[in-house]
Amino acid sequence: MIFCFLRLPGKLACLLLCLAMLGGPARSASIDGQFRQWLENDLWPEAASKGISQATFEAAFDGVTPNLKLPDLILPGEKVAVERDQRQAEFRAPAAYFAENIVGAVVSGGKRRLAENAATLARIERETGVPGRIIVAIWGRESAFGTAKLPHDAFQVLATKAWLATRKDYFRDEVLAALEMVERHGARPRGLKGSWAGALGQPQFMPSSFLAHARDGDGDGKADIWQSEADTLASIGGYLADRKWQRGRDWGFEVSVPESLSCKLEGPDQGRKISQWAAAGVKRTNGKPFPAGEAGKIGYLLFPAGRHGPAFVVTPNFYVLKEYNESDLYALFVGHAGDRMQYGSRPFTAPWGRVDSLLRSDIARMQRGLEALGYDVGGADGLPGFRTRRSIGDWQEKHGMKPTCFPSRELVDRFQ
């Protein structure tokens, strides 16, 4: 047994050591103590240097303990868990993202919100150039039009991740931004409710995004993205406008792409005039010509499932949507759902084909193999973004294979 006969702070340190050796709840108490030390000795000096008052800091972290159930944490003494997580995570086929019950719920709910908020959305579109259907689709996807529960205390989530997550620097900046929301914008510390990732309110803004893009949409002098629908809609529109949404342009069009055009031509750095894509045989699947106003402007091929699913010609606005959430499928969901709620269009014309069941670790191994050959795959993260997809297509062509531009079991095995 260990006896603690030291004076107070030594007694506290000794107690924490005893608790750590006991394990279970005691270990949690030890971690709680380390967390408080990190707040006081590490985070507080930087917050103070940025003009955060001690009163604000203490109010923000009053009673806050680390949430060890959050994902992507590395507990003291543990090793980085990225490879472990990739081995455990199944890669989700793109088709699952567009399950009709999910898309349909956003579309049906969005139609009603478009009508209910018509005047507000028209004003926001005049001010920002962002169509109401796009704003409402993001609102629906992010928080089910404000009905989704936001159970997490933002300061607990952000501070836990700033201390223990694999992306400490990113979350450190965000927790400092949250403190600024309290210090300079009148936010209540316990009123900052959000997701397990620290995203706040109905538009799911990170604190830095709130500071940069939140808008007062109802004229009461403040931006309330928790209770005010008008503020939420104005903030989403403001975010996209600040990210250079091009007024008057669409996000993209579903197309058929002839086999003579390789899927390795995908990507935002391989644009052509839309009239040039059309001259090469790219056609809209609904049988209509590309809008006359788009013909002379730049568009980009998109194959989110390689040759195993729908193809698209997208505009720069598609990549603005990706600024909201760094995912091709997210941006595609928003554009597609918005079109359906306003125009009554139907699901994609081309079906999503079957793809092999893989783990993210399988895809990451293949990505590392391609990197070793000099390909830019956008990082070996186990997620096949456009750089990975077109690298696969190029490798397939060079090896006499029909390019599919998508991971498969055969390809993974080639890179064992």
Protein backbone atom coordinates (compact mmCIF):
# COMPACT_ATOMS: atom_id res chain seq x y z
CA MET A 1 0.00 0.00 0.00
CA ILE A 2 1.14 3.55 -0.73
CA PHE A 3 0.70 6.13 2.01
CA CYS A 4 0.45 9.83 1.22
CA PHE A 5 1.99 11.93 3.98
CA LEU A 6 2.87 14.86 1.72
CA ARG A 7 1.56 18.39 1.91
CA LEU A 8 -1.09 19.60 -0.52
CA PRO A 9 -0.11 19.76 -3.80
CA GLY A 10 2.13 16.81 -3.24
CA LYS A 11 -0.77 15.02 -1.59
CA LEU A 12 -2.88 15.60 -4.71
CA ALA A 13 -0.15 14.24 -6.97
CA CYS A 14 0.28 11.23 -4.74
CA LEU A 15 -3.46 10.62 -4.61
CA LEU A 16 -3.66 10.73 -8.40
CA LEU A 17 -0.79 8.23 -8.59
CA CYS A 18 -2.58 5.92 -6.19
CA LEU A 19 -5.79 6.19 -8.18
CA ALA A 20 -4.00 5.52 -11.46
CA MET A 21 -2.53 2.31 -10.02
CA LEU A 22 -5.95 1.11 -8.92
CA GLY A 23 -7.47 1.27 -12.43
CA GLY A 24 -11.17 1.54 -13.41
CA PRO A 25 -12.86 4.67 -12.04
CA ALA A 26 -9.63 5.55 -10.32
CA ARG A 27 -7.87 5.73 -13.67
CA SER A 28 -10.58 8.09 -14.85
CA ALA A 29 -9.92 10.30 -11.83
CA SER A 30 -6.24 10.33 -12.73
CA ILE A 31 -7.07 11.40 -16.27
CA ASP A 32 -9.43 14.06 -14.94
CA GLY A 33 -6.56 15.46 -12.90
CA GLN A 34 -4.22 15.47 -15.88
CA PHE A 35 -6.92 17.20 -17.92
CA ARG A 36 -7.26 19.99 -15.33
CA GLN A 37 -3.50 20.42 -15.28
CA TRP A 38 -3.47 20.69 -19.08
CA LEU A 39 -6.23 23.31 -18.97
CA GLU A 40 -4.45 25.42 -16.37
CA ASN A 41 -0.83 25.04 -17.49
CA ASP A 42 -1.17 24.74 -21.24
CA LEU A 43 -4.45 26.05 -22.64
CA TRP A 44 -5.06 28.94 -20.23
CA PRO A 45 -1.81 30.83 -21.00
CA GLU A 46 -2.59 30.82 -24.73
CA ALA A 47 -6.22 31.80 -24.15
CA ALA A 48 -5.09 34.68 -21.94
CA SER A 49 -2.65 35.84 -24.63
CA LYS A 50 -5.61 36.07 -27.03
CA GLY A 51 -7.59 38.32 -24.70
CA ILE A 52 -9.78 35.70 -23.02
CA SER A 53 -10.59 36.71 -19.45
CA GLN A 54 -10.11 34.40 -16.51
CA ALA A 55 -13.83 34.65 -15.76
CA THR A 56 -14.71 33.43 -19.25
CA PHE A 57 -12.18 30.61 -19.06
CA GLU A 58 -13.40 29.42 -15.69
CA ALA A 59 -17.05 29.58 -16.75
CA ALA A 60 -16.33 27.61 -19.91
CA PHE A 61 -14.66 24.74 -18.07
CA ASP A 62 -16.59 24.78 -14.81
CA GLY A 63 -17.31 21.15 -13.97
CA VAL A 64 -16.03 19.94 -17.36
CA THR A 65 -14.27 16.58 -17.45
CA PRO A 66 -12.88 14.81 -20.53
CA ASN A 67 -15.26 12.62 -22.51
CA LEU A 68 -13.25 9.47 -23.12
CA LYS A 69 -16.00 7.92 -25.27
CA LEU A 70 -15.29 10.26 -28.17
CA PRO A 71 -13.66 8.73 -31.27
CA ASP A 72 -10.07 9.33 -32.44
CA LEU A 73 -8.60 9.78 -28.97
CA ILE A 74 -5.16 8.64 -27.87
CA LEU A 75 -5.20 8.16 -24.10
CA PRO A 76 -2.03 8.89 -22.13
CA GLY A 77 0.43 6.06 -22.69
CA GLU A 78 -1.33 4.71 -25.80
CA LYS A 79 0.03 4.62 -29.33
CA VAL A 80 -1.63 6.22 -32.35
CA ALA A 81 -4.73 4.20 -33.20
CA VAL A 82 -5.19 5.15 -36.87
CA GLU A 83 -4.14 1.77 -38.29
CA ARG A 84 -6.20 -0.07 -35.67
CA ASP A 85 -9.27 1.98 -36.57
CA GLN A 86 -8.75 1.35 -40.30
CA ARG A 87 -8.54 -2.40 -39.66
CA GLN A 88 -11.86 -2.27 -37.84
CA ALA A 89 -13.73 0.10 -40.17
CA GLU A 90 -15.63 -1.25 -43.15
CA PHE A 91 -15.56 0.93 -46.24
CA ARG A 92 -19.09 2.10 -46.97
CA ALA A 93 -20.09 1.79 -50.63
CA PRO A 94 -21.27 5.08 -52.20
CA ALA A 95 -24.73 3.64 -52.86
CA ALA A 96 -25.40 3.49 -49.10
CA TYR A 97 -25.06 7.26 -48.88
CA PHE A 98 -28.00 7.66 -51.27
CA ALA A 99 -30.47 5.22 -49.74
CA GLU A 100 -33.86 6.46 -50.87
CA ASN A 101 -35.31 6.62 -47.37
CA ILE A 102 -32.55 9.06 -46.38
CA VAL A 103 -32.67 11.19 -49.52
CA GLY A 104 -36.45 11.09 -49.56
CA ALA A 105 -36.72 12.33 -45.98
CA VAL A 106 -34.59 15.38 -46.77
CA VAL A 107 -36.49 16.02 -50.01
CA SER A 108 -39.97 15.76 -48.48
CA GLY A 109 -39.03 17.83 -45.44
CA GLY A 110 -37.21 20.30 -47.63
CA LYS A 111 -40.21 20.98 -49.85
CA ARG A 112 -42.20 22.13 -46.85
CA ARG A 113 -39.35 24.29 -45.52
CA LEU A 114 -38.86 25.89 -48.94
CA ALA A 115 -42.48 26.99 -48.87
CA GLU A 116 -42.49 28.07 -45.22
CA ASN A 117 -39.31 30.15 -45.58
CA ALA A 118 -39.82 31.38 -49.13
CA ALA A 119 -39.48 35.10 -48.36
CA THR A 120 -36.41 34.62 -46.15
CA LEU A 121 -34.72 32.37 -48.68
CA ALA A 122 -35.46 34.76 -51.54
CA ARG A 123 -33.83 37.59 -49.60
CA ILE A 124 -30.79 35.44 -48.77
CA GLU A 125 -30.43 34.43 -52.42
CA ARG A 126 -30.52 38.08 -53.47
CA GLU A 127 -27.80 38.87 -50.95
CA THR A 128 -25.55 35.84 -51.47
CA GLY A 129 -26.43 34.28 -54.83
CA VAL A 130 -26.96 30.90 -53.15
CA PRO A 131 -30.25 29.21 -54.15
CA GLY A 132 -32.69 28.42 -51.36
CA ARG A 133 -32.86 24.75 -52.32
CA ILE A 134 -29.12 24.35 -51.66
CA ILE A 135 -29.37 26.07 -48.27
CA VAL A 136 -32.34 23.96 -47.23
CA ALA A 137 -30.67 20.73 -48.40
CA ILE A 138 -27.66 21.47 -46.18
CA TRP A 139 -29.98 22.32 -43.29
CA GLY A 140 -31.78 19.01 -43.73
CA ARG A 141 -28.61 16.98 -44.06
CA GLU A 142 -26.85 18.58 -41.10
CA SER A 143 -29.56 18.67 -38.46
CA ALA A 144 -32.80 17.32 -39.94
CA PHE A 145 -34.04 20.93 -40.23
CA GLY A 146 -33.15 21.66 -36.62
CA THR A 147 -34.91 18.64 -35.13
CA ALA A 148 -31.78 16.56 -34.46
CA LYS A 149 -30.67 16.41 -30.85
CA LEU A 150 -27.43 18.20 -30.00
CA PRO A 151 -26.51 16.50 -26.74
CA HIS A 152 -22.85 17.37 -26.33
CA ASP A 153 -21.29 20.23 -24.40
CA ALA A 154 -19.01 21.93 -26.93
CA PHE A 155 -16.32 22.81 -24.40
CA GLN A 156 -16.14 19.23 -23.17
CA VAL A 157 -15.85 17.85 -26.71
CA LEU A 158 -13.42 20.45 -28.04
CA ALA A 159 -11.17 20.45 -24.99
CA THR A 160 -11.07 16.65 -24.85
CA LYS A 161 -10.05 16.52 -28.49
CA ALA A 162 -7.57 19.38 -28.16
CA TRP A 163 -5.90 17.38 -25.39
CA LEU A 164 -6.15 13.81 -26.67
CA ALA A 165 -7.24 13.63 -30.31
CA THR A 166 -5.10 12.69 -33.29
CA ARG A 167 -5.67 16.25 -34.63
CA LYS A 168 -4.79 18.21 -31.50
CA ASP A 169 -3.79 21.44 -33.26
CA TYR A 170 -7.06 21.64 -35.19
CA PHE A 171 -9.21 21.22 -32.08
CA ARG A 172 -7.02 23.54 -30.04
CA ASP A 173 -7.82 26.32 -32.51
CA GLU A 174 -11.51 25.44 -32.28
CA VAL A 175 -11.70 25.49 -28.50
CA LEU A 176 -9.97 28.88 -28.52
CA ALA A 177 -12.55 30.06 -31.07
CA ALA A 178 -15.34 28.82 -28.79
CA LEU A 179 -13.85 30.85 -25.95
CA GLU A 180 -13.92 33.89 -28.24
CA MET A 181 -17.62 33.24 -28.90
CA VAL A 182 -18.22 33.59 -25.17
CA GLU A 183 -15.83 36.49 -24.59
CA ARG A 184 -16.82 38.72 -27.50
CA HIS A 185 -20.16 37.48 -28.82
CA GLY A 186 -22.16 36.87 -25.65
CA ALA A 187 -22.53 33.10 -26.04
CA ARG A 188 -23.40 31.18 -22.87
CA PRO A 189 -20.80 28.44 -22.19
CA ARG A 190 -23.37 25.76 -21.32
CA GLY A 191 -25.54 26.91 -24.20
CA LEU A 192 -22.96 25.82 -26.79
CA LYS A 193 -24.49 22.48 -27.70
CA GLY A 194 -23.31 20.43 -30.62
CA SER A 195 -22.21 17.09 -32.03
CA TRP A 196 -19.57 14.64 -30.89
CA ALA A 197 -17.20 16.42 -33.33
CA GLY A 198 -17.78 19.85 -31.76
CA ALA A 199 -19.99 21.17 -34.57
CA LEU A 200 -22.56 23.65 -33.31
CA GLY A 201 -26.22 24.34 -33.84
CA GLN A 202 -28.54 23.70 -36.76
CA PRO A 203 -25.96 24.39 -39.49
CA GLN A 204 -23.31 22.37 -37.60
CA PHE A 205 -20.66 25.08 -37.68
CA MET A 206 -17.34 24.61 -35.99
CA PRO A 207 -16.63 27.60 -33.71
CA SER A 208 -14.17 29.14 -36.18
CA SER A 209 -16.84 28.93 -38.89
CA PHE A 210 -19.32 30.63 -36.59
CA LEU A 211 -16.92 33.52 -36.03
CA ALA A 212 -16.22 33.86 -39.75
CA HIS A 213 -19.59 33.17 -41.37
CA ALA A 214 -22.55 33.33 -38.95
CA ARG A 215 -25.23 35.85 -39.93
CA ASP A 216 -28.14 37.63 -38.28
CA GLY A 217 -31.04 36.59 -40.48
CA ASP A 218 -33.96 37.83 -38.38
CA GLY A 219 -32.71 41.32 -37.58
CA ASP A 220 -32.42 41.00 -33.80
CA GLY A 221 -28.74 41.92 -33.79
CA LYS A 222 -27.26 38.49 -33.08
CA ALA A 223 -26.63 35.21 -34.89
CA ASP A 224 -28.45 32.41 -33.06
CA ILE A 225 -27.82 29.17 -34.95
CA TRP A 226 -29.56 27.10 -32.26
CA GLN A 227 -33.03 28.63 -32.04
CA SER A 228 -33.45 30.93 -35.06
CA GLU A 229 -34.29 29.36 -38.42
CA ALA A 230 -33.69 32.68 -40.20
CA ASP A 231 -30.22 32.98 -38.66
CA THR A 232 -29.47 29.37 -39.55
CA LEU A 233 -30.46 29.83 -43.20
CA ALA A 234 -28.61 33.15 -43.51
CA SER A 235 -25.51 31.63 -41.95
CA ILE A 236 -25.45 28.68 -44.37
CA GLY A 237 -25.91 31.03 -47.31
CA GLY A 238 -23.24 33.34 -45.92
CA TYR A 239 -20.80 30.47 -45.53
CA LEU A 240 -21.18 29.39 -49.17
CA ALA A 241 -21.01 32.97 -50.44
CA ASP A 242 -17.84 33.60 -48.43
CA ARG A 243 -16.40 30.46 -50.03
CA LYS A 244 -16.97 31.99 -53.48
CA TRP A 245 -20.26 30.46 -54.62
CA GLN A 246 -20.71 31.56 -58.24
CA ARG A 247 -23.99 33.40 -58.59
CA GLY A 248 -26.23 32.09 -61.37
CA ARG A 249 -24.42 28.77 -61.86
CA ASP A 250 -25.73 25.33 -61.03
CA TRP A 251 -23.78 22.73 -59.04
CA GLY A 252 -23.70 20.07 -61.75
CA PHE A 253 -25.52 17.61 -64.03
CA GLU A 254 -25.83 13.84 -64.21
CA VAL A 255 -24.31 12.67 -67.48
CA SER A 256 -23.41 9.64 -69.55
CA VAL A 257 -19.72 9.46 -70.46
CA PRO A 258 -18.61 7.43 -73.49
CA GLU A 259 -16.04 4.68 -72.96
CA SER A 260 -13.66 6.68 -75.16
CA LEU A 261 -13.28 9.19 -72.31
CA SER A 262 -11.32 7.66 -69.46
CA CYS A 263 -12.54 7.98 -65.90
CA LYS A 264 -9.01 9.08 -65.01
CA LEU A 265 -9.97 12.50 -66.45
CA GLU A 266 -11.89 13.22 -63.24
CA GLY A 267 -10.99 16.06 -60.91
CA PRO A 268 -11.10 19.81 -60.27
CA ASP A 269 -7.70 20.27 -61.91
CA GLN A 270 -8.78 18.77 -65.25
CA GLY A 271 -11.57 21.09 -66.25
CA ARG A 272 -12.78 21.82 -69.75
CA LYS A 273 -15.48 24.02 -71.14
CA ILE A 274 -18.78 22.22 -70.82
CA SER A 275 -19.25 22.63 -74.58
CA GLN A 276 -16.00 20.68 -75.05
CA TRP A 277 -17.24 17.84 -72.84
CA ALA A 278 -20.43 17.81 -74.89
CA ALA A 279 -18.44 17.70 -78.16
CA ALA A 280 -16.56 14.68 -76.79
CA GLY A 281 -19.86 12.80 -76.34
CA VAL A 282 -20.80 13.66 -72.75
CA LYS A 283 -24.59 13.99 -72.54
CA ARG A 284 -27.10 14.78 -69.82
CA THR A 285 -29.03 11.69 -68.80
CA ASN A 286 -32.36 13.53 -68.83
CA GLY A 287 -32.01 14.12 -72.56
CA LYS A 288 -31.84 17.91 -72.25
CA PRO A 289 -28.91 19.96 -73.57
CA PHE A 290 -26.62 21.70 -71.12
CA PRO A 291 -27.97 25.17 -70.29
CA ALA A 292 -26.79 27.75 -72.80
CA GLY A 293 -25.31 29.85 -70.01
CA GLU A 294 -23.10 26.95 -68.91
CA ALA A 295 -21.73 25.90 -72.31
CA GLY A 296 -18.78 28.28 -72.39
CA LYS A 297 -17.89 27.83 -68.73
CA ILE A 298 -15.62 25.29 -67.09
CA GLY A 299 -16.94 21.96 -65.82
CA TYR A 300 -15.30 18.89 -64.35
CA LEU A 301 -15.96 15.15 -64.62
CA LEU A 302 -16.97 13.39 -61.41
CA PHE A 303 -17.10 9.60 -60.99
CA PRO A 304 -17.93 9.09 -57.28
CA ALA A 305 -18.05 5.30 -57.71
CA GLY A 306 -15.75 5.10 -60.70
CA ARG A 307 -17.44 3.29 -63.56
CA HIS A 308 -19.69 1.50 -61.03
CA GLY A 309 -22.23 4.29 -60.70
CA PRO A 310 -23.57 7.60 -61.97
CA ALA A 311 -21.26 10.16 -63.57
CA PHE A 312 -21.51 13.95 -63.49
CA VAL A 313 -20.23 17.16 -64.96
CA VAL A 314 -19.90 19.52 -62.01
CA THR A 315 -19.20 23.23 -61.75
CA PRO A 316 -16.97 25.14 -59.31
CA ASN A 317 -20.02 25.40 -57.03
CA PHE A 318 -19.77 21.66 -56.40
CA TYR A 319 -16.37 22.25 -54.84
CA VAL A 320 -17.79 25.10 -52.78
CA LEU A 321 -20.21 22.54 -51.32
CA LYS A 322 -17.21 20.35 -50.52
CA GLU A 323 -15.86 23.21 -48.42
CA TYR A 324 -18.83 22.62 -46.11
CA ASN A 325 -17.96 18.95 -45.71
CA GLU A 326 -14.87 17.52 -47.41
CA SER A 327 -16.67 14.71 -49.22
CA ASP A 328 -17.71 14.21 -52.83
CA LEU A 329 -20.72 12.24 -51.67
CA TYR A 330 -21.82 14.97 -49.27
CA ALA A 331 -21.66 17.65 -51.96
CA LEU A 332 -23.48 15.37 -54.39
CA PHE A 333 -26.18 14.61 -51.82
CA VAL A 334 -26.81 18.31 -51.20
CA GLY A 335 -27.02 19.22 -54.87
CA HIS A 336 -29.19 16.23 -55.74
CA ALA A 337 -31.59 16.65 -52.80
CA GLY A 338 -31.93 20.36 -53.51
CA ASP A 339 -32.81 19.70 -57.15
CA ARG A 340 -35.38 17.11 -56.21
CA MET A 341 -37.12 19.29 -53.63
CA GLN A 342 -37.41 22.23 -56.03
CA TYR A 343 -37.83 20.63 -59.44
CA GLY A 344 -39.45 17.33 -58.54
CA SER A 345 -36.70 15.41 -60.29
CA ARG A 346 -36.23 11.74 -59.51
CA PRO A 347 -33.33 9.59 -58.27
CA PHE A 348 -30.22 9.32 -60.42
CA THR A 349 -30.78 7.77 -63.83
CA ALA A 350 -27.76 5.46 -63.68
CA PRO A 351 -27.81 2.80 -60.95
CA TRP A 352 -25.16 2.35 -58.32
CA GLY A 353 -23.35 -0.87 -59.18
CA ARG A 354 -22.16 -3.50 -56.72
CA VAL A 355 -18.69 -2.97 -55.33
CA ASP A 356 -16.51 -5.35 -53.36
CA SER A 357 -16.75 -5.41 -49.59
CA LEU A 358 -13.48 -3.98 -48.24
CA LEU A 359 -12.04 -2.57 -45.07
CA ARG A 360 -10.50 0.87 -44.98
CA SER A 361 -7.21 -0.84 -44.14
CA ASP A 362 -7.46 -2.73 -47.46
CA ILE A 363 -7.87 0.51 -49.38
CA ALA A 364 -5.11 2.22 -47.39
CA ARG A 365 -2.73 -0.61 -48.27
CA MET A 366 -3.57 -0.19 -51.94
CA GLN A 367 -3.08 3.57 -51.63
CA ARG A 368 0.36 3.09 -50.11
CA GLY A 369 1.24 0.78 -52.99
CA LEU A 370 0.19 3.40 -55.51
CA GLU A 371 2.12 6.07 -53.63
CA ALA A 372 5.24 3.90 -53.86
CA LEU A 373 4.82 4.00 -57.65
CA GLY A 374 4.69 7.80 -57.63
CA TYR A 375 0.93 8.33 -57.67
CA ASP A 376 -0.74 11.15 -55.77
CA VAL A 377 -3.66 9.43 -54.05
CA GLY A 378 -4.43 12.26 -51.63
CA GLY A 379 -3.12 10.33 -48.63
CA ALA A 380 -3.44 6.71 -47.49
CA ASP A 381 -6.56 7.27 -45.41
CA GLY A 382 -8.60 4.31 -46.63
CA LEU A 383 -11.07 6.58 -48.41
CA PRO A 384 -11.02 6.61 -52.24
CA GLY A 385 -11.27 10.29 -53.12
CA PHE A 386 -10.90 11.55 -56.66
CA ARG A 387 -7.09 11.41 -56.56
CA THR A 388 -7.19 7.76 -55.57
CA ARG A 389 -9.90 6.95 -58.12
CA ARG A 390 -8.08 8.45 -61.07
CA SER A 391 -4.76 6.95 -59.94
CA ILE A 392 -6.43 3.55 -60.01
CA GLY A 393 -7.71 4.25 -63.53
CA ASP A 394 -4.27 5.27 -64.77
CA TRP A 395 -2.65 2.19 -63.21
CA GLN A 396 -5.30 -0.06 -64.74
CA GLU A 397 -4.78 1.42 -68.20
CA LYS A 398 -1.01 0.97 -67.98
CA HIS A 399 -1.51 -2.68 -67.07
CA GLY A 400 -3.88 -3.41 -69.93
CA MET A 401 -7.00 -3.44 -67.80
CA LYS A 402 -10.29 -1.73 -68.48
CA PRO A 403 -10.25 1.28 -66.14
CA THR A 404 -12.90 1.27 -63.46
CA CYS A 405 -11.32 3.97 -61.25
CA PHE A 406 -12.52 2.29 -58.07
CA PRO A 407 -11.05 -0.08 -55.47
CA SER A 408 -11.73 -3.80 -55.76
CA ARG A 409 -10.60 -6.96 -54.03
CA GLU A 410 -8.49 -7.84 -57.07
CA LEU A 411 -6.69 -4.51 -56.95
CA VAL A 412 -6.10 -4.72 -53.21
CA ASP A 413 -4.60 -8.19 -53.64
CA ARG A 414 -2.28 -6.86 -56.34
CA PHE A 415 -0.73 -4.55 -53.76
CA GLN A 416 -0.24 -7.09 -50.99
